């Protein structure tokens, strides 16, 4: 940005994203600083919500989760986690991961934000449970952030 007046109002906005068929792409444009500030604040709020959700879930359901799978074979555990192979990982990959990291570590990894829907499904938690409610709120924050990101890209000068 070469104009001094514009340089006080705009900052460079860079966003890496994946296009159709997995092609990586980068968006670059000049966006208003206040929009970028709001976007950064929303991103920080979302990250905090994800972290607190994972901490809450681990504290509330971690022992129950481990006990649920205690005594089951690796194949039975894999079958429940992947809905009989409908999603990642394959059985061979699951065996390799458990051999490298241990089954307890693999099960603990489901207490990240991405794994929590499986925890809710497998443990049979009701949609009215505190975990399901917090998960829904965090998903709402995530959709708001995507909407804000689209708004910034739409109004960016390129």
C-alpha atoms as a PDB file:
ATOM      1  CA  UNK A   1       0.000   0.000   0.000  1.00  0.00           C
ATOM      2  CA  UNK A   2       1.746   3.156  -1.203  1.00  0.00           C
ATOM      3  CA  UNK A   3      -0.790   5.781  -0.140  1.00  0.00           C
ATOM      4  CA  UNK A   4       0.009   7.008   3.423  1.00  0.00           C
ATOM      5  CA  UNK A   5      -3.669   7.671   4.204  1.00  0.00           C
ATOM      6  CA  UNK A   6      -4.674   4.179   3.080  1.00  0.00           C
ATOM      7  CA  UNK A   7      -1.769   2.584   4.956  1.00  0.00           C
ATOM      8  CA  UNK A   8      -3.284   3.825   8.224  1.00  0.00           C
ATOM      9  CA  UNK A   9      -6.677   2.227   7.455  1.00  0.00           C
ATOM     10  CA  UNK A  10      -5.727  -1.034   5.717  1.00  0.00           C
ATOM     11  CA  UNK A  11      -3.560  -4.064   6.438  1.00  0.00           C
ATOM     12  CA  UNK A  12      -2.621  -6.991   4.259  1.00  0.00           C
ATOM     13  CA  UNK A  13      -4.948  -9.945   4.716  1.00  0.00           C
ATOM     14  CA  UNK A  14      -3.526 -13.338   3.749  1.00  0.00           C
ATOM     15  CA  UNK A  15      -5.596 -16.510   3.981  1.00  0.00           C
ATOM     16  CA  UNK A  16      -4.556 -20.011   2.957  1.00  0.00           C
ATOM     17  CA  UNK A  17      -7.431 -22.247   1.992  1.00  0.00           C
ATOM     18  CA  UNK A  18      -8.204 -25.413   0.082  1.00  0.00           C
ATOM     19  CA  UNK A  19     -10.090 -25.236  -3.175  1.00  0.00           C
ATOM     20  CA  UNK A  20     -12.079 -28.034  -4.711  1.00  0.00           C
ATOM     21  CA  UNK A  21     -10.235 -31.312  -5.183  1.00  0.00           C
ATOM     22  CA  UNK A  22      -7.735 -30.422  -2.441  1.00  0.00           C
ATOM     23  CA  UNK A  23      -5.792 -27.743  -4.300  1.00  0.00           C
ATOM     24  CA  UNK A  24      -4.092 -25.329  -1.904  1.00  0.00           C
ATOM     25  CA  UNK A  25      -4.586 -21.639  -2.640  1.00  0.00           C
ATOM     26  CA  UNK A  26      -3.777 -18.313  -1.010  1.00  0.00           C
ATOM     27  CA  UNK A  27      -5.959 -15.215  -0.911  1.00  0.00           C
ATOM     28  CA  UNK A  28      -4.237 -11.844  -0.545  1.00  0.00           C
ATOM     29  CA  UNK A  29      -5.966  -8.513  -0.250  1.00  0.00           C
ATOM     30  CA  UNK A  30      -6.003  -5.235   1.645  1.00  0.00           C
ATOM     31  CA  UNK A  31      -8.648  -5.202   4.349  1.00  0.00           C
ATOM     32  CA  UNK A  32      -9.778  -2.578   6.833  1.00  0.00           C
ATOM     33  CA  UNK A  33      -7.887  -2.839  10.106  1.00  0.00           C
ATOM     34  CA  UNK A  34     -11.048  -2.802  12.201  1.00  0.00           C
ATOM     35  CA  UNK A  35     -12.412  -5.817  10.268  1.00  0.00           C
ATOM     36  CA  UNK A  36      -9.119  -7.645  10.726  1.00  0.00           C
ATOM     37  CA  UNK A  37      -9.175  -6.830  14.439  1.00  0.00           C
ATOM     38  CA  UNK A  38     -12.706  -8.202  14.780  1.00  0.00           C
ATOM     39  CA  UNK A  39     -11.688 -11.315  12.851  1.00  0.00           C
ATOM     40  CA  UNK A  40      -8.647 -11.859  15.086  1.00  0.00           C
ATOM     41  CA  UNK A  41     -10.754 -11.394  18.228  1.00  0.00           C
ATOM     42  CA  UNK A  42     -13.354 -13.879  16.961  1.00  0.00           C
ATOM     43  CA  UNK A  43     -10.581 -16.362  16.139  1.00  0.00           C
ATOM     44  CA  UNK A  44      -9.105 -16.024  19.624  1.00  0.00           C
ATOM     45  CA  UNK A  45     -12.552 -16.460  21.180  1.00  0.00           C
ATOM     46  CA  UNK A  46     -13.122 -19.612  19.114  1.00  0.00           C
ATOM     47  CA  UNK A  47      -9.733 -21.068  20.076  1.00  0.00           C
ATOM     48  CA  UNK A  48     -10.424 -20.374  23.763  1.00  0.00           C
ATOM     49  CA  UNK A  49     -13.849 -22.014  23.474  1.00  0.00           C
ATOM     50  CA  UNK A  50     -12.353 -25.092  21.786  1.00  0.00           C
ATOM     51  CA  UNK A  51      -9.660 -25.390  24.451  1.00  0.00           C
ATOM     52  CA  UNK A  52     -12.071 -24.992  27.360  1.00  0.00           C
ATOM     53  CA  UNK A  53     -14.479 -27.464  25.748  1.00  0.00           C
ATOM     54  CA  UNK A  54     -11.742 -30.081  25.380  1.00  0.00           C
ATOM     55  CA  UNK A  55     -10.622 -29.513  28.980  1.00  0.00           C
ATOM     56  CA  UNK A  56     -14.190 -29.777  30.274  1.00  0.00           C
ATOM     57  CA  UNK A  57     -14.880 -32.944  28.284  1.00  0.00           C
ATOM     58  CA  UNK A  58     -11.670 -34.615  29.392  1.00  0.00           C
ATOM     59  CA  UNK A  59     -12.321 -33.812  33.050  1.00  0.00           C
ATOM     60  CA  UNK A  60     -15.968 -34.908  32.949  1.00  0.00           C
ATOM     61  CA  UNK A  61     -15.832 -37.944  30.671  1.00  0.00           C
ATOM     62  CA  UNK A  62     -12.189 -39.032  30.337  1.00  0.00           C
ATOM     63  CA  UNK A  63     -12.403 -41.838  32.882  1.00  0.00           C
ATOM     64  CA  UNK A  64     -15.790 -43.003  31.582  1.00  0.00           C
ATOM     65  CA  UNK A  65     -14.375 -43.004  28.026  1.00  0.00           C
ATOM     66  CA  UNK A  66     -11.393 -45.162  29.001  1.00  0.00           C
ATOM     67  CA  UNK A  67     -13.606 -47.506  31.060  1.00  0.00           C
ATOM     68  CA  UNK A  68     -16.069 -47.845  28.173  1.00  0.00           C
ATOM     69  CA  UNK A  69     -13.362 -49.356  25.966  1.00  0.00           C
ATOM     70  CA  UNK A  70     -11.641 -51.392  28.695  1.00  0.00           C
ATOM     71  CA  UNK A  71     -11.580 -55.087  27.878  1.00  0.00           C
ATOM     72  CA  UNK A  72     -12.586 -54.627  24.234  1.00  0.00           C
ATOM     73  CA  UNK A  73     -10.419 -55.812  21.379  1.00  0.00           C
ATOM     74  CA  UNK A  74      -8.625 -53.275  19.207  1.00  0.00           C
ATOM     75  CA  UNK A  75     -10.788 -54.259  16.262  1.00  0.00           C
ATOM     76  CA  UNK A  76     -13.990 -53.714  18.276  1.00  0.00           C
ATOM     77  CA  UNK A  77     -12.705 -50.312  19.426  1.00  0.00           C
ATOM     78  CA  UNK A  78     -11.761 -49.365  15.861  1.00  0.00           C
ATOM     79  CA  UNK A  79     -15.181 -50.485  14.648  1.00  0.00           C
ATOM     80  CA  UNK A  80     -16.967 -48.218  17.138  1.00  0.00           C
ATOM     81  CA  UNK A  81     -14.698 -45.236  16.521  1.00  0.00           C
ATOM     82  CA  UNK A  82     -14.995 -45.437  12.738  1.00  0.00           C
ATOM     83  CA  UNK A  83     -18.580 -46.727  12.521  1.00  0.00           C
ATOM     84  CA  UNK A  84     -17.318 -50.009  11.039  1.00  0.00           C
ATOM     85  CA  UNK A  85     -14.752 -48.368   8.774  1.00  0.00           C
ATOM     86  CA  UNK A  86     -16.872 -45.519   7.387  1.00  0.00           C
ATOM     87  CA  UNK A  87     -14.292 -42.896   8.368  1.00  0.00           C
ATOM     88  CA  UNK A  88     -10.584 -42.503   9.146  1.00  0.00           C
ATOM     89  CA  UNK A  89      -8.481 -44.411  10.136  1.00  0.00           C
ATOM     90  CA  UNK A  90      -8.382 -47.718   8.319  1.00  0.00           C
ATOM     91  CA  UNK A  91      -7.940 -50.802  10.475  1.00  0.00           C
ATOM     92  CA  UNK A  92      -4.300 -51.178   9.410  1.00  0.00           C
ATOM     93  CA  UNK A  93      -3.581 -47.529  10.254  1.00  0.00           C
ATOM     94  CA  UNK A  94      -5.337 -47.914  13.606  1.00  0.00           C
ATOM     95  CA  UNK A  95      -3.188 -50.944  14.459  1.00  0.00           C
ATOM     96  CA  UNK A  96      -0.043 -49.046  13.456  1.00  0.00           C
ATOM     97  CA  UNK A  97      -1.024 -46.019  15.550  1.00  0.00           C
ATOM     98  CA  UNK A  98      -1.819 -48.115  18.618  1.00  0.00           C
ATOM     99  CA  UNK A  99       1.457 -49.990  18.256  1.00  0.00           C
ATOM    100  CA  UNK A 100       3.387 -46.685  18.121  1.00  0.00           C
ATOM    101  CA  UNK A 101       1.454 -44.569  20.638  1.00  0.00           C
ATOM    102  CA  UNK A 102      -0.562 -46.988  22.712  1.00  0.00           C
ATOM    103  CA  UNK A 103      -4.306 -47.439  22.861  1.00  0.00           C
ATOM    104  CA  UNK A 104      -4.789 -45.114  25.832  1.00  0.00           C
ATOM    105  CA  UNK A 105      -3.071 -42.266  23.966  1.00  0.00           C
ATOM    106  CA  UNK A 106      -5.212 -42.861  20.862  1.00  0.00           C
ATOM    107  CA  UNK A 107      -8.398 -42.760  22.944  1.00  0.00           C
ATOM    108  CA  UNK A 108      -7.254 -39.605  24.764  1.00  0.00           C
ATOM    109  CA  UNK A 109      -6.773 -37.830  21.414  1.00  0.00           C
ATOM    110  CA  UNK A 110     -10.541 -37.915  20.889  1.00  0.00           C
ATOM    111  CA  UNK A 111     -10.809 -35.209  23.551  1.00  0.00           C
ATOM    112  CA  UNK A 112      -9.755 -32.571  21.056  1.00  0.00           C
ATOM    113  CA  UNK A 113     -12.444 -30.404  19.479  1.00  0.00           C
ATOM    114  CA  UNK A 114     -12.586 -32.497  16.298  1.00  0.00           C
ATOM    115  CA  UNK A 115     -13.068 -35.767  18.195  1.00  0.00           C
ATOM    116  CA  UNK A 116     -15.753 -34.651  20.638  1.00  0.00           C
ATOM    117  CA  UNK A 117     -18.759 -35.421  18.395  1.00  0.00           C
ATOM    118  CA  UNK A 118     -17.601 -39.059  18.401  1.00  0.00           C
ATOM    119  CA  UNK A 119     -17.329 -38.997  22.194  1.00  0.00           C
ATOM    120  CA  UNK A 120     -20.905 -37.698  22.429  1.00  0.00           C
ATOM    121  CA  UNK A 121     -22.138 -40.321  19.943  1.00  0.00           C
ATOM    122  CA  UNK A 122     -20.336 -43.315  21.447  1.00  0.00           C
ATOM    123  CA  UNK A 123     -21.090 -42.497  25.076  1.00  0.00           C
ATOM    124  CA  UNK A 124     -24.716 -41.883  24.129  1.00  0.00           C
ATOM    125  CA  UNK A 125     -24.864 -38.433  25.708  1.00  0.00           C
ATOM    126  CA  UNK A 126     -28.153 -36.653  25.232  1.00  0.00           C
ATOM    127  CA  UNK A 127     -28.339 -33.522  23.080  1.00  0.00           C
ATOM    128  CA  UNK A 128     -29.311 -31.660  26.266  1.00  0.00           C
ATOM    129  CA  UNK A 129     -26.086 -32.623  28.069  1.00  0.00           C
ATOM    130  CA  UNK A 130     -23.662 -29.859  29.014  1.00  0.00           C
ATOM    131  CA  UNK A 131     -21.009 -31.223  26.638  1.00  0.00           C
ATOM    132  CA  UNK A 132     -23.417 -31.343  23.682  1.00  0.00           C
ATOM    133  CA  UNK A 133     -24.619 -27.816  24.501  1.00  0.00           C
ATOM    134  CA  UNK A 134     -21.070 -26.437  24.672  1.00  0.00           C
ATOM    135  CA  UNK A 135     -20.166 -28.270  21.472  1.00  0.00           C
ATOM    136  CA  UNK A 136     -23.131 -26.669  19.699  1.00  0.00           C
ATOM    137  CA  UNK A 137     -22.134 -23.204  20.976  1.00  0.00           C
ATOM    138  CA  UNK A 138     -18.577 -23.711  19.741  1.00  0.00           C
ATOM    139  CA  UNK A 139     -19.835 -24.851  16.332  1.00  0.00           C
ATOM    140  CA  UNK A 140     -21.923 -21.662  16.216  1.00  0.00           C
ATOM    141  CA  UNK A 141     -18.804 -19.572  16.968  1.00  0.00           C
ATOM    142  CA  UNK A 142     -17.001 -21.432  14.192  1.00  0.00           C
ATOM    143  CA  UNK A 143     -19.738 -20.645  11.667  1.00  0.00           C
ATOM    144  CA  UNK A 144     -19.713 -16.976  12.744  1.00  0.00           C
ATOM    145  CA  UNK A 145     -15.943 -16.867  12.196  1.00  0.00           C
ATOM    146  CA  UNK A 146     -16.322 -18.362   8.705  1.00  0.00           C
ATOM    147  CA  UNK A 147     -18.984 -15.775   7.923  1.00  0.00           C
ATOM    148  CA  UNK A 148     -16.733 -12.952   9.161  1.00  0.00           C
ATOM    149  CA  UNK A 149     -13.834 -14.344   7.120  1.00  0.00           C
ATOM    150  CA  UNK A 150     -16.008 -14.357   4.007  1.00  0.00           C
ATOM    151  CA  UNK A 151     -17.057 -10.775   4.750  1.00  0.00           C
ATOM    152  CA  UNK A 152     -13.427  -9.663   5.061  1.00  0.00           C
ATOM    153  CA  UNK A 153     -12.510 -11.392   1.785  1.00  0.00           C
ATOM    154  CA  UNK A 154     -15.527  -9.869   0.054  1.00  0.00           C
ATOM    155  CA  UNK A 155     -14.575  -6.339   1.116  1.00  0.00           C
ATOM    156  CA  UNK A 156     -10.814  -6.701   0.668  1.00  0.00           C
ATOM    157  CA  UNK A 157      -9.081  -4.682  -2.002  1.00  0.00           C
ATOM    158  CA  UNK A 158      -6.987  -6.804  -4.265  1.00  0.00           C
END
